[in-house]
Amino acid sequence: MTKLVIFDVDGTLVDSQAHIIASMTAAFEAAQIAVPSRNAILSIVGLSLPYAIRELAPDVSDATIVQLVEDYKADFNENRLKQDAVIPLFAGAEAAIARLAKREDMLLAIATGKSRRGLDALLEMWPFADHFVSTQCADDHPSKPHPSMVQSCLADCDVTAQNAVVIGDTTYDMEMARAARVAAIGVSWGYHGAGALKDTGASIVIDDFAALDNALDEIWKD
C-alpha cells in the first residue's frame, strides 16, 4: 500500500526565520507601523501571508494589509536573490528526504504557506526537488489550517487519508492534518513548541530528522 508523506517547508525543512523577520520588519517600517516582536512574527509562520499579517496588525485597513503583503514579498524576493541569503535546510533534512524517496512504498509532497514564487525558488535550488510528486502552496488554496492543500496532495498521489501523514512545526500544520483526517508528526525545531503540537493533533514530536523513519513506522505500524 502506497504511503504519502507531506512536508511543511518553513520551520520544518528550511530555517527561514531570519529572512521572515527581516522582511516583515521592512514591510512594517515602510508602512510606518510599529514592528511586531520577534516572537509574534514567528508565531504566525505557516499561515498564508495576508492572514499572517492580519494577525500581526488586526486594526489596520484592508488596503494597508495589501500593501504590507506586497512590501513583504518584494523585500523577501530581493533578499532571496542575494548570494549570501540562501535559506538553509535544517540538519538532516536532505538525507531524510533521500532515504524516504528510495522506498518503493512511499511518495513525498509539500504543503506550504509560501507563495508559488517563493516555493519554486527553493525547489530550483534543491537537487532533490524532483522527489516531491505534489507541491501545494498558498497561492492556490485557503490558508492553513484549512485541509485543501492536503486534500490536493492526496488526490495528486492517489493515496487515501489513512495512508498519509503531515510533517510540520506549527499548530496550523497539525490542525490542517486533523481537518483532512490525516496523521501528523510534529518537529520540535520549528516555530511552535512540542506541547502545542501535541495539543493540536501531533501523534509524535521528533527532535531531529534521524528520528523520522521510526516515527513513520510507528504511525503506520498497524
N, C-alpha and C. Protein backbone atom coordinates (compact mmCIF):
# COMPACT_ATOMS: atom_id res chain seq x y z
N MET A 1 0.84 -1.20 0.00
CA MET A 1 0.00 0.00 0.00
C MET A 1 0.88 1.25 0.00
N THR A 2 0.65 2.15 -0.95
CA THR A 2 1.46 3.37 -1.06
C THR A 2 1.16 4.33 0.08
N LYS A 3 2.22 4.87 0.67
CA LYS A 3 2.12 5.86 1.73
C LYS A 3 2.54 7.23 1.18
N LEU A 4 2.03 8.28 1.82
CA LEU A 4 2.34 9.65 1.40
C LEU A 4 2.80 10.47 2.58
N VAL A 5 3.96 11.09 2.45
CA VAL A 5 4.50 11.99 3.47
C VAL A 5 4.45 13.41 2.93
N ILE A 6 3.71 14.27 3.62
CA ILE A 6 3.50 15.66 3.19
C ILE A 6 4.28 16.59 4.11
N PHE A 7 5.25 17.29 3.57
CA PHE A 7 6.11 18.17 4.36
C PHE A 7 5.65 19.62 4.30
N ASP A 8 5.62 20.27 5.44
CA ASP A 8 5.64 21.73 5.50
C ASP A 8 7.05 22.18 5.11
N VAL A 9 7.24 23.48 4.87
CA VAL A 9 8.55 23.98 4.44
C VAL A 9 9.20 24.85 5.51
N ASP A 10 8.68 26.07 5.72
CA ASP A 10 9.30 27.00 6.68
C ASP A 10 9.21 26.44 8.10
N GLY A 11 10.36 26.31 8.73
CA GLY A 11 10.39 25.80 10.10
C GLY A 11 10.44 24.29 10.19
N THR A 12 10.23 23.62 9.05
CA THR A 12 10.28 22.16 9.02
C THR A 12 11.46 21.68 8.18
N LEU A 13 11.50 22.09 6.92
CA LEU A 13 12.63 21.75 6.06
C LEU A 13 13.70 22.83 6.04
N VAL A 14 13.27 24.10 6.09
CA VAL A 14 14.25 25.19 6.00
C VAL A 14 14.15 26.13 7.19
N ASP A 15 15.30 26.67 7.57
CA ASP A 15 15.38 27.63 8.67
C ASP A 15 15.31 29.04 8.09
N SER A 16 14.10 29.52 7.93
CA SER A 16 13.87 30.79 7.25
C SER A 16 13.57 31.94 8.20
N GLN A 17 13.75 31.73 9.50
CA GLN A 17 13.29 32.75 10.43
C GLN A 17 13.98 34.09 10.25
N ALA A 18 15.29 34.10 9.96
CA ALA A 18 15.98 35.37 9.79
C ALA A 18 15.42 36.14 8.60
N HIS A 19 15.13 35.45 7.50
CA HIS A 19 14.57 36.09 6.32
C HIS A 19 13.16 36.61 6.59
N ILE A 20 12.36 35.80 7.28
CA ILE A 20 10.99 36.21 7.57
C ILE A 20 10.96 37.44 8.46
N ILE A 21 11.76 37.44 9.51
CA ILE A 21 11.79 38.58 10.44
C ILE A 21 12.28 39.83 9.73
N ALA A 22 13.32 39.70 8.92
CA ALA A 22 13.87 40.87 8.21
C ALA A 22 12.84 41.46 7.26
N SER A 23 12.15 40.62 6.51
CA SER A 23 11.20 41.13 5.52
C SER A 23 9.93 41.67 6.18
N MET A 24 9.49 41.05 7.27
CA MET A 24 8.34 41.57 7.98
C MET A 24 8.66 42.92 8.61
N THR A 25 9.87 43.04 9.15
CA THR A 25 10.31 44.31 9.73
C THR A 25 10.34 45.39 8.66
N ALA A 26 10.88 45.08 7.50
CA ALA A 26 10.96 46.05 6.41
C ALA A 26 9.56 46.50 5.97
N ALA A 27 8.62 45.56 5.89
CA ALA A 27 7.26 45.90 5.45
C ALA A 27 6.57 46.81 6.45
N PHE A 28 6.69 46.51 7.73
CA PHE A 28 6.03 47.33 8.75
C PHE A 28 6.69 48.70 8.85
N GLU A 29 7.99 48.75 8.72
CA GLU A 29 8.67 50.04 8.76
C GLU A 29 8.28 50.90 7.57
N ALA A 30 8.13 50.30 6.40
CA ALA A 30 7.72 51.06 5.22
C ALA A 30 6.33 51.65 5.39
N ALA A 31 5.47 50.95 6.12
CA ALA A 31 4.11 51.43 6.36
C ALA A 31 4.03 52.34 7.58
N GLN A 32 5.16 52.53 8.24
CA GLN A 32 5.24 53.35 9.46
C GLN A 32 4.29 52.83 10.54
N ILE A 33 4.32 51.51 10.70
CA ILE A 33 3.55 50.82 11.74
C ILE A 33 4.54 50.15 12.67
N ALA A 34 4.22 50.14 13.98
CA ALA A 34 5.11 49.51 14.96
C ALA A 34 5.41 48.07 14.55
N VAL A 35 6.68 47.73 14.54
CA VAL A 35 7.09 46.38 14.13
C VAL A 35 6.75 45.39 15.23
N PRO A 36 6.07 44.30 14.89
CA PRO A 36 5.75 43.28 15.90
C PRO A 36 7.03 42.66 16.47
N SER A 37 6.90 42.07 17.64
CA SER A 37 8.06 41.42 18.26
C SER A 37 8.48 40.20 17.45
N ARG A 38 9.69 39.77 17.68
CA ARG A 38 10.21 38.58 17.01
C ARG A 38 9.31 37.38 17.28
N ASN A 39 8.91 37.20 18.55
CA ASN A 39 8.07 36.06 18.89
C ASN A 39 6.72 36.13 18.20
N ALA A 40 6.17 37.33 18.10
CA ALA A 40 4.89 37.49 17.42
C ALA A 40 5.01 37.13 15.95
N ILE A 41 6.08 37.58 15.31
CA ILE A 41 6.28 37.27 13.88
C ILE A 41 6.42 35.77 13.68
N LEU A 42 7.21 35.12 14.49
CA LEU A 42 7.44 33.69 14.31
C LEU A 42 6.19 32.88 14.64
N SER A 43 5.32 33.41 15.48
CA SER A 43 4.13 32.66 15.87
C SER A 43 3.15 32.49 14.72
N ILE A 44 3.23 33.35 13.70
CA ILE A 44 2.26 33.28 12.59
C ILE A 44 2.84 32.60 11.35
N VAL A 45 4.09 32.14 11.44
CA VAL A 45 4.68 31.43 10.31
C VAL A 45 3.87 30.16 10.04
N GLY A 46 3.53 29.96 8.79
CA GLY A 46 2.70 28.82 8.41
C GLY A 46 1.36 29.26 7.84
N LEU A 47 0.86 30.39 8.32
CA LEU A 47 -0.35 30.95 7.73
C LEU A 47 -0.04 31.58 6.38
N SER A 48 -1.00 31.61 5.49
CA SER A 48 -0.82 32.37 4.25
C SER A 48 -0.60 33.82 4.60
N LEU A 49 0.18 34.52 3.80
CA LEU A 49 0.69 35.83 4.16
C LEU A 49 -0.38 36.85 4.55
N PRO A 50 -1.48 37.01 3.80
CA PRO A 50 -2.47 38.00 4.22
C PRO A 50 -3.07 37.71 5.59
N TYR A 51 -3.30 36.44 5.89
CA TYR A 51 -3.84 36.06 7.20
C TYR A 51 -2.80 36.28 8.29
N ALA A 52 -1.56 35.96 7.98
CA ALA A 52 -0.49 36.15 8.95
C ALA A 52 -0.34 37.63 9.32
N ILE A 53 -0.34 38.49 8.31
CA ILE A 53 -0.16 39.91 8.58
C ILE A 53 -1.39 40.49 9.28
N ARG A 54 -2.56 40.00 8.95
CA ARG A 54 -3.77 40.44 9.66
C ARG A 54 -3.69 40.08 11.15
N GLU A 55 -3.10 38.92 11.46
CA GLU A 55 -2.91 38.55 12.87
C GLU A 55 -1.97 39.53 13.56
N LEU A 56 -0.97 40.00 12.84
CA LEU A 56 0.02 40.91 13.42
C LEU A 56 -0.49 42.35 13.49
N ALA A 57 -1.41 42.70 12.59
CA ALA A 57 -1.91 44.08 12.52
C ALA A 57 -3.43 44.07 12.41
N PRO A 58 -4.12 43.67 13.47
CA PRO A 58 -5.57 43.48 13.38
C PRO A 58 -6.37 44.76 13.17
N ASP A 59 -5.78 45.91 13.45
CA ASP A 59 -6.55 47.16 13.43
C ASP A 59 -6.33 48.00 12.17
N VAL A 60 -5.50 47.56 11.26
CA VAL A 60 -5.24 48.39 10.08
C VAL A 60 -6.25 48.08 8.98
N SER A 61 -6.33 48.94 7.98
CA SER A 61 -7.30 48.77 6.90
C SER A 61 -6.90 47.62 5.98
N ASP A 62 -7.88 47.16 5.20
CA ASP A 62 -7.59 46.11 4.22
C ASP A 62 -6.56 46.58 3.20
N ALA A 63 -6.64 47.85 2.84
CA ALA A 63 -5.67 48.38 1.87
C ALA A 63 -4.26 48.33 2.44
N THR A 64 -4.12 48.61 3.72
CA THR A 64 -2.81 48.55 4.36
C THR A 64 -2.29 47.12 4.41
N ILE A 65 -3.18 46.17 4.67
CA ILE A 65 -2.78 44.76 4.65
C ILE A 65 -2.23 44.39 3.28
N VAL A 66 -2.92 44.81 2.22
CA VAL A 66 -2.48 44.53 0.86
C VAL A 66 -1.08 45.10 0.63
N GLN A 67 -0.86 46.34 1.09
CA GLN A 67 0.44 46.97 0.90
C GLN A 67 1.53 46.26 1.70
N LEU A 68 1.21 45.87 2.94
CA LEU A 68 2.17 45.15 3.76
C LEU A 68 2.57 43.82 3.10
N VAL A 69 1.59 43.14 2.54
CA VAL A 69 1.86 41.87 1.85
C VAL A 69 2.81 42.11 0.68
N GLU A 70 2.51 43.11 -0.12
CA GLU A 70 3.35 43.37 -1.29
C GLU A 70 4.76 43.79 -0.90
N ASP A 71 4.87 44.62 0.15
CA ASP A 71 6.19 45.06 0.59
C ASP A 71 6.98 43.89 1.17
N TYR A 72 6.29 43.01 1.89
CA TYR A 72 6.97 41.82 2.42
C TYR A 72 7.49 40.96 1.28
N LYS A 73 6.64 40.68 0.31
CA LYS A 73 7.04 39.84 -0.82
C LYS A 73 8.22 40.45 -1.57
N ALA A 74 8.17 41.76 -1.79
CA ALA A 74 9.24 42.42 -2.54
C ALA A 74 10.56 42.33 -1.79
N ASP A 75 10.52 42.56 -0.48
CA ASP A 75 11.75 42.51 0.30
C ASP A 75 12.29 41.08 0.38
N PHE A 76 11.39 40.11 0.58
CA PHE A 76 11.82 38.72 0.68
C PHE A 76 12.46 38.26 -0.63
N ASN A 77 11.84 38.64 -1.74
CA ASN A 77 12.38 38.25 -3.05
C ASN A 77 13.72 38.91 -3.31
N GLU A 78 13.84 40.17 -2.93
CA GLU A 78 15.12 40.88 -3.13
C GLU A 78 16.22 40.21 -2.32
N ASN A 79 15.91 39.85 -1.06
CA ASN A 79 16.91 39.19 -0.22
C ASN A 79 17.26 37.80 -0.75
N ARG A 80 16.26 37.11 -1.31
CA ARG A 80 16.49 35.77 -1.84
C ARG A 80 17.50 35.78 -2.98
N LEU A 81 17.51 36.88 -3.73
CA LEU A 81 18.39 36.97 -4.90
C LEU A 81 19.85 37.24 -4.52
N LYS A 82 20.06 37.62 -3.27
CA LYS A 82 21.43 37.87 -2.84
C LYS A 82 22.15 36.55 -2.60
N GLN A 83 23.39 36.47 -3.01
CA GLN A 83 24.14 35.21 -2.92
C GLN A 83 24.32 34.75 -1.49
N ASP A 84 24.37 35.67 -0.54
CA ASP A 84 24.62 35.29 0.85
C ASP A 84 23.32 35.10 1.62
N ALA A 85 22.20 35.05 0.90
CA ALA A 85 20.91 34.97 1.58
C ALA A 85 20.17 33.67 1.28
N VAL A 86 20.90 32.63 0.95
CA VAL A 86 20.28 31.33 0.70
C VAL A 86 19.64 30.82 1.98
N ILE A 87 18.41 30.35 1.88
CA ILE A 87 17.71 29.83 3.05
C ILE A 87 18.21 28.42 3.34
N PRO A 88 18.79 28.19 4.52
CA PRO A 88 19.42 26.88 4.77
C PRO A 88 18.41 25.81 5.15
N LEU A 89 18.71 24.59 4.73
CA LEU A 89 17.96 23.43 5.18
C LEU A 89 18.35 23.11 6.62
N PHE A 90 17.40 22.58 7.38
CA PHE A 90 17.74 22.08 8.70
C PHE A 90 18.62 20.83 8.56
N ALA A 91 19.45 20.61 9.55
CA ALA A 91 20.35 19.46 9.53
C ALA A 91 19.56 18.17 9.37
N GLY A 92 20.00 17.35 8.44
CA GLY A 92 19.38 16.05 8.23
C GLY A 92 18.21 16.04 7.28
N ALA A 93 17.73 17.21 6.85
CA ALA A 93 16.53 17.25 6.01
C ALA A 93 16.77 16.58 4.66
N GLU A 94 17.86 16.94 3.99
CA GLU A 94 18.10 16.38 2.67
C GLU A 94 18.31 14.87 2.74
N ALA A 95 19.04 14.41 3.74
CA ALA A 95 19.29 12.98 3.88
C ALA A 95 18.00 12.22 4.16
N ALA A 96 17.13 12.80 4.98
CA ALA A 96 15.86 12.15 5.30
C ALA A 96 14.99 12.02 4.05
N ILE A 97 14.95 13.08 3.25
CA ILE A 97 14.16 13.03 2.01
C ILE A 97 14.72 11.98 1.06
N ALA A 98 16.04 11.91 0.97
CA ALA A 98 16.67 10.90 0.10
C ALA A 98 16.33 9.49 0.57
N ARG A 99 16.34 9.27 1.89
CA ARG A 99 16.00 7.94 2.41
C ARG A 99 14.56 7.55 2.08
N LEU A 100 13.66 8.48 2.31
CA LEU A 100 12.25 8.19 2.08
C LEU A 100 11.97 7.99 0.59
N ALA A 101 12.64 8.78 -0.24
CA ALA A 101 12.41 8.69 -1.69
C ALA A 101 12.83 7.35 -2.25
N LYS A 102 13.73 6.67 -1.59
CA LYS A 102 14.19 5.36 -2.06
C LYS A 102 13.19 4.25 -1.78
N ARG A 103 12.24 4.52 -0.89
CA ARG A 103 11.29 3.49 -0.53
C ARG A 103 10.23 3.34 -1.63
N GLU A 104 10.04 2.14 -2.08
CA GLU A 104 9.11 1.89 -3.18
C GLU A 104 7.66 2.08 -2.75
N ASP A 105 7.41 2.06 -1.45
CA ASP A 105 6.04 2.17 -0.96
C ASP A 105 5.68 3.59 -0.54
N MET A 106 6.50 4.58 -0.90
CA MET A 106 6.30 5.92 -0.35
C MET A 106 6.41 7.01 -1.41
N LEU A 107 5.51 8.01 -1.31
CA LEU A 107 5.57 9.22 -2.13
C LEU A 107 5.75 10.42 -1.20
N LEU A 108 6.31 11.50 -1.75
CA LEU A 108 6.56 12.72 -0.97
C LEU A 108 5.84 13.90 -1.61
N ALA A 109 5.38 14.83 -0.75
CA ALA A 109 4.68 16.02 -1.23
C ALA A 109 5.00 17.19 -0.30
N ILE A 110 4.58 18.38 -0.73
CA ILE A 110 4.77 19.60 0.04
C ILE A 110 3.44 20.32 0.18
N ALA A 111 3.19 20.85 1.38
CA ALA A 111 2.04 21.73 1.63
C ALA A 111 2.56 22.91 2.44
N THR A 112 2.65 24.09 1.83
CA THR A 112 3.29 25.24 2.47
C THR A 112 2.48 26.51 2.34
N GLY A 113 2.64 27.37 3.33
CA GLY A 113 2.03 28.68 3.27
C GLY A 113 2.80 29.66 2.41
N LYS A 114 3.91 29.23 1.81
CA LYS A 114 4.68 30.09 0.92
C LYS A 114 3.90 30.35 -0.37
N SER A 115 4.27 31.40 -1.07
CA SER A 115 3.73 31.66 -2.40
C SER A 115 4.34 30.68 -3.39
N ARG A 116 3.73 30.57 -4.56
CA ARG A 116 4.31 29.71 -5.61
C ARG A 116 5.69 30.22 -6.02
N ARG A 117 5.85 31.54 -6.12
CA ARG A 117 7.15 32.08 -6.49
C ARG A 117 8.21 31.71 -5.46
N GLY A 118 7.85 31.83 -4.19
CA GLY A 118 8.81 31.50 -3.14
C GLY A 118 9.14 30.03 -3.09
N LEU A 119 8.11 29.19 -3.26
CA LEU A 119 8.35 27.76 -3.25
C LEU A 119 9.18 27.34 -4.45
N ASP A 120 8.84 27.84 -5.63
CA ASP A 120 9.59 27.47 -6.83
C ASP A 120 11.06 27.89 -6.74
N ALA A 121 11.30 29.03 -6.09
CA ALA A 121 12.68 29.48 -5.93
C ALA A 121 13.48 28.48 -5.09
N LEU A 122 12.85 27.94 -4.05
CA LEU A 122 13.52 26.92 -3.25
C LEU A 122 13.73 25.64 -4.05
N LEU A 123 12.68 25.22 -4.73
CA LEU A 123 12.77 23.97 -5.49
C LEU A 123 13.86 24.03 -6.55
N GLU A 124 14.07 25.20 -7.13
CA GLU A 124 15.11 25.36 -8.13
C GLU A 124 16.51 25.15 -7.54
N MET A 125 16.64 25.41 -6.24
CA MET A 125 17.95 25.27 -5.59
C MET A 125 18.17 23.87 -5.04
N TRP A 126 17.11 23.09 -4.90
CA TRP A 126 17.21 21.79 -4.27
C TRP A 126 17.49 20.69 -5.30
N PRO A 127 18.59 19.98 -5.19
CA PRO A 127 18.85 18.90 -6.13
C PRO A 127 17.90 17.71 -5.95
N PHE A 128 17.16 17.71 -4.85
CA PHE A 128 16.22 16.63 -4.56
C PHE A 128 14.76 17.02 -4.82
N ALA A 129 14.56 18.15 -5.49
CA ALA A 129 13.20 18.68 -5.67
C ALA A 129 12.29 17.72 -6.42
N ASP A 130 12.86 16.93 -7.34
CA ASP A 130 12.01 16.05 -8.14
C ASP A 130 11.48 14.86 -7.35
N HIS A 131 11.89 14.73 -6.10
CA HIS A 131 11.32 13.68 -5.25
C HIS A 131 9.87 14.01 -4.83
N PHE A 132 9.48 15.27 -4.93
CA PHE A 132 8.15 15.69 -4.50
C PHE A 132 7.15 15.55 -5.64
N VAL A 133 6.19 14.66 -5.46
CA VAL A 133 5.21 14.37 -6.50
C VAL A 133 4.17 15.48 -6.61
N SER A 134 3.84 16.09 -5.48
CA SER A 134 2.84 17.17 -5.44
C SER A 134 3.37 18.30 -4.59
N THR A 135 3.24 19.54 -5.07
CA THR A 135 3.68 20.72 -4.29
C THR A 135 2.54 21.72 -4.24
N GLN A 136 1.98 21.91 -3.07
CA GLN A 136 0.84 22.80 -2.87
C GLN A 136 1.26 24.01 -2.06
N CYS A 137 0.74 25.19 -2.46
CA CYS A 137 1.16 26.43 -1.81
C CYS A 137 -0.02 27.38 -1.61
N ALA A 138 0.28 28.51 -0.97
CA ALA A 138 -0.76 29.44 -0.55
C ALA A 138 -1.49 30.09 -1.71
N ASP A 139 -0.86 30.21 -2.87
CA ASP A 139 -1.50 30.89 -4.00
C ASP A 139 -2.74 30.15 -4.50
N ASP A 140 -2.80 28.87 -4.26
CA ASP A 140 -3.86 28.04 -4.86
C ASP A 140 -4.86 27.49 -3.86
N HIS A 141 -4.72 27.87 -2.58
CA HIS A 141 -5.56 27.25 -1.55
C HIS A 141 -5.90 28.25 -0.45
N PRO A 142 -6.95 27.96 0.32
CA PRO A 142 -7.17 28.72 1.56
C PRO A 142 -5.99 28.51 2.51
N SER A 143 -5.82 29.43 3.43
CA SER A 143 -4.72 29.33 4.38
C SER A 143 -4.86 28.10 5.28
N LYS A 144 -3.73 27.55 5.69
CA LYS A 144 -3.77 26.58 6.78
C LYS A 144 -4.49 27.25 7.96
N PRO A 145 -5.26 26.50 8.74
CA PRO A 145 -5.35 25.04 8.81
C PRO A 145 -6.43 24.41 7.92
N HIS A 146 -6.94 25.13 6.94
CA HIS A 146 -7.89 24.51 6.01
C HIS A 146 -7.23 23.29 5.36
N PRO A 147 -7.96 22.20 5.16
CA PRO A 147 -7.35 20.96 4.66
C PRO A 147 -7.11 20.91 3.15
N SER A 148 -7.40 21.98 2.42
CA SER A 148 -7.37 21.94 0.97
C SER A 148 -6.03 21.47 0.40
N MET A 149 -4.92 21.95 0.95
CA MET A 149 -3.62 21.57 0.42
C MET A 149 -3.37 20.08 0.59
N VAL A 150 -3.72 19.55 1.74
CA VAL A 150 -3.55 18.12 1.98
C VAL A 150 -4.45 17.31 1.05
N GLN A 151 -5.67 17.76 0.89
CA GLN A 151 -6.60 17.04 0.01
C GLN A 151 -6.09 17.00 -1.42
N SER A 152 -5.47 18.09 -1.88
CA SER A 152 -4.91 18.09 -3.23
C SER A 152 -3.72 17.14 -3.34
N CYS A 153 -2.90 17.09 -2.30
CA CYS A 153 -1.78 16.13 -2.30
C CYS A 153 -2.31 14.70 -2.39
N LEU A 154 -3.34 14.40 -1.63
CA LEU A 154 -3.93 13.06 -1.66
C LEU A 154 -4.45 12.73 -3.05
N ALA A 155 -5.14 13.68 -3.66
CA ALA A 155 -5.70 13.45 -5.00
C ALA A 155 -4.60 13.28 -6.04
N ASP A 156 -3.58 14.14 -5.98
CA ASP A 156 -2.48 14.06 -6.96
C ASP A 156 -1.76 12.71 -6.88
N CYS A 157 -1.64 12.18 -5.66
CA CYS A 157 -0.85 10.97 -5.44
C CYS A 157 -1.72 9.72 -5.38
N ASP A 158 -3.04 9.90 -5.46
CA ASP A 158 -3.98 8.78 -5.39
C ASP A 158 -3.76 7.94 -4.14
N VAL A 159 -3.68 8.63 -3.01
CA VAL A 159 -3.46 8.00 -1.71
C VAL A 159 -4.61 8.38 -0.79
N THR A 160 -5.08 7.43 0.02
CA THR A 160 -6.16 7.71 0.96
C THR A 160 -5.63 8.41 2.21
N ALA A 161 -6.51 9.08 2.93
CA ALA A 161 -6.11 9.84 4.10
C ALA A 161 -5.42 8.97 5.15
N GLN A 162 -5.90 7.75 5.34
CA GLN A 162 -5.31 6.90 6.37
C GLN A 162 -3.90 6.44 6.03
N ASN A 163 -3.49 6.65 4.79
CA ASN A 163 -2.14 6.27 4.37
C ASN A 163 -1.23 7.48 4.18
N ALA A 164 -1.61 8.60 4.77
CA ALA A 164 -0.82 9.83 4.63
C ALA A 164 -0.50 10.42 6.00
N VAL A 165 0.55 11.22 6.04
CA VAL A 165 0.95 11.91 7.26
C VAL A 165 1.52 13.27 6.90
N VAL A 166 1.22 14.26 7.71
CA VAL A 166 1.78 15.61 7.57
C VAL A 166 2.93 15.77 8.55
N ILE A 167 4.04 16.33 8.08
CA ILE A 167 5.19 16.65 8.93
C ILE A 167 5.28 18.16 9.02
N GLY A 168 5.16 18.72 10.23
CA GLY A 168 5.18 20.17 10.34
C GLY A 168 5.63 20.65 11.70
N ASP A 169 5.85 21.96 11.79
CA ASP A 169 6.38 22.55 13.03
C ASP A 169 5.40 23.46 13.73
N THR A 170 4.21 23.67 13.15
CA THR A 170 3.27 24.61 13.77
C THR A 170 1.93 23.94 14.06
N THR A 171 1.17 24.58 14.94
CA THR A 171 -0.17 24.09 15.24
C THR A 171 -1.06 24.15 14.00
N TYR A 172 -0.76 25.08 13.08
CA TYR A 172 -1.56 25.17 11.85
C TYR A 172 -1.39 23.90 11.01
N ASP A 173 -0.18 23.35 11.01
CA ASP A 173 0.07 22.09 10.29
C ASP A 173 -0.71 20.94 10.93
N MET A 174 -0.66 20.89 12.26
CA MET A 174 -1.35 19.81 12.97
C MET A 174 -2.86 19.90 12.77
N GLU A 175 -3.38 21.12 12.84
CA GLU A 175 -4.83 21.32 12.67
C GLU A 175 -5.24 21.02 11.22
N MET A 176 -4.39 21.36 10.26
CA MET A 176 -4.67 21.06 8.86
C MET A 176 -4.75 19.55 8.66
N ALA A 177 -3.80 18.83 9.24
CA ALA A 177 -3.80 17.37 9.13
C ALA A 177 -5.06 16.79 9.75
N ARG A 178 -5.40 17.28 10.92
CA ARG A 178 -6.59 16.76 11.60
C ARG A 178 -7.85 17.03 10.79
N ALA A 179 -7.93 18.22 10.19
CA ALA A 179 -9.10 18.56 9.36
C ALA A 179 -9.21 17.66 8.14
N ALA A 180 -8.06 17.20 7.64
CA ALA A 180 -8.04 16.31 6.47
C ALA A 180 -8.11 14.83 6.87
N ARG A 181 -8.18 14.57 8.20
CA ARG A 181 -8.22 13.20 8.73
C ARG A 181 -6.96 12.42 8.38
N VAL A 182 -5.86 13.15 8.46
CA VAL A 182 -4.54 12.59 8.17
C VAL A 182 -3.72 12.63 9.46
N ALA A 183 -2.84 11.66 9.66
CA ALA A 183 -1.96 11.66 10.82
C ALA A 183 -0.98 12.82 10.75
N ALA A 184 -0.41 13.18 11.89
CA ALA A 184 0.53 14.30 11.93
C ALA A 184 1.71 13.98 12.84
N ILE A 185 2.89 14.37 12.38
CA ILE A 185 4.12 14.29 13.17
C ILE A 185 4.67 15.71 13.30
N GLY A 186 4.91 16.14 14.52
CA GLY A 186 5.47 17.46 14.75
C GLY A 186 6.98 17.42 14.84
N VAL A 187 7.62 18.54 14.51
CA VAL A 187 9.06 18.66 14.67
C VAL A 187 9.33 19.76 15.70
N SER A 188 10.28 19.50 16.59
CA SER A 188 10.48 20.39 17.73
C SER A 188 11.37 21.59 17.42
N TRP A 189 11.99 21.61 16.23
CA TRP A 189 12.97 22.66 15.94
C TRP A 189 12.36 23.88 15.23
N GLY A 190 11.05 23.90 15.05
CA GLY A 190 10.41 24.98 14.31
C GLY A 190 9.87 26.09 15.19
N TYR A 191 8.67 26.57 14.85
CA TYR A 191 8.18 27.82 15.43
C TYR A 191 7.16 27.66 16.56
N HIS A 192 6.60 26.47 16.76
CA HIS A 192 5.69 26.23 17.87
C HIS A 192 6.24 25.09 18.71
N GLY A 193 5.97 25.12 20.01
CA GLY A 193 6.55 24.14 20.92
C GLY A 193 5.92 22.76 20.82
N ALA A 194 6.63 21.77 21.39
CA ALA A 194 6.17 20.39 21.34
C ALA A 194 4.81 20.21 22.02
N GLY A 195 4.60 20.91 23.14
CA GLY A 195 3.33 20.80 23.84
C GLY A 195 2.17 21.27 22.99
N ALA A 196 2.35 22.41 22.31
CA ALA A 196 1.30 22.94 21.45
C ALA A 196 1.03 22.01 20.28
N LEU A 197 2.09 21.40 19.74
CA LEU A 197 1.92 20.48 18.61
C LEU A 197 1.11 19.25 19.04
N LYS A 198 1.42 18.72 20.20
CA LYS A 198 0.68 17.55 20.70
C LYS A 198 -0.77 17.91 21.01
N ASP A 199 -0.97 19.09 21.55
CA ASP A 199 -2.33 19.52 21.90
C ASP A 199 -3.22 19.68 20.67
N THR A 200 -2.61 19.96 19.52
CA THR A 200 -3.40 20.19 18.31
C THR A 200 -3.37 19.02 17.32
N GLY A 201 -2.84 17.88 17.76
CA GLY A 201 -3.02 16.69 16.93
C GLY A 201 -1.80 15.89 16.58
N ALA A 202 -0.60 16.32 16.98
CA ALA A 202 0.59 15.53 16.65
C ALA A 202 0.58 14.21 17.41
N SER A 203 0.71 13.12 16.68
CA SER A 203 0.82 11.81 17.34
C SER A 203 2.19 11.64 17.96
N ILE A 204 3.19 12.20 17.31
CA ILE A 204 4.58 12.11 17.75
C ILE A 204 5.25 13.45 17.45
N VAL A 205 6.17 13.87 18.32
CA VAL A 205 7.01 15.03 18.04
C VAL A 205 8.45 14.56 18.04
N ILE A 206 9.17 14.80 16.95
CA ILE A 206 10.56 14.36 16.84
C ILE A 206 11.51 15.53 17.06
N ASP A 207 12.72 15.20 17.52
CA ASP A 207 13.71 16.23 17.82
C ASP A 207 14.78 16.37 16.76
N ASP A 208 14.83 15.43 15.80
CA ASP A 208 15.75 15.56 14.67
C ASP A 208 15.26 14.65 13.55
N PHE A 209 15.79 14.88 12.35
CA PHE A 209 15.34 14.12 11.19
C PHE A 209 15.74 12.65 11.25
N ALA A 210 16.76 12.33 12.05
CA ALA A 210 17.15 10.93 12.19
C ALA A 210 16.03 10.09 12.79
N ALA A 211 15.13 10.73 13.52
CA ALA A 211 14.03 10.01 14.17
C ALA A 211 12.80 9.87 13.28
N LEU A 212 12.82 10.47 12.09
CA LEU A 212 11.61 10.50 11.27
C LEU A 212 11.19 9.11 10.78
N ASP A 213 12.13 8.30 10.34
CA ASP A 213 11.78 6.99 9.79
C ASP A 213 11.06 6.13 10.83
N ASN A 214 11.59 6.10 12.05
CA ASN A 214 10.95 5.32 13.11
C ASN A 214 9.58 5.89 13.47
N ALA A 215 9.46 7.22 13.43
CA ALA A 215 8.17 7.84 13.72
C ALA A 215 7.12 7.44 12.68
N LEU A 216 7.53 7.42 11.43
CA LEU A 216 6.61 7.00 10.37
C LEU A 216 6.20 5.54 10.54
N ASP A 217 7.18 4.70 10.88
CA ASP A 217 6.86 3.28 11.10
C ASP A 217 5.89 3.12 12.26
N GLU A 218 6.04 3.97 13.27
CA GLU A 218 5.13 3.91 14.42
C GLU A 218 3.72 4.33 14.02
N ILE A 219 3.62 5.37 13.21
CA ILE A 219 2.31 5.84 12.74
C ILE A 219 1.59 4.73 11.98
N TRP A 220 2.33 4.01 11.16
CA TRP A 220 1.73 3.03 10.26
C TRP A 220 1.95 1.58 10.69
N LYS A 221 2.22 1.37 11.96
CA LYS A 221 2.56 0.02 12.42
C LYS A 221 1.41 -0.96 12.28
N ASP A 222 0.18 -0.45 12.25
CA ASP A 222 -0.96 -1.34 12.10
C ASP A 222 -1.30 -1.57 10.64
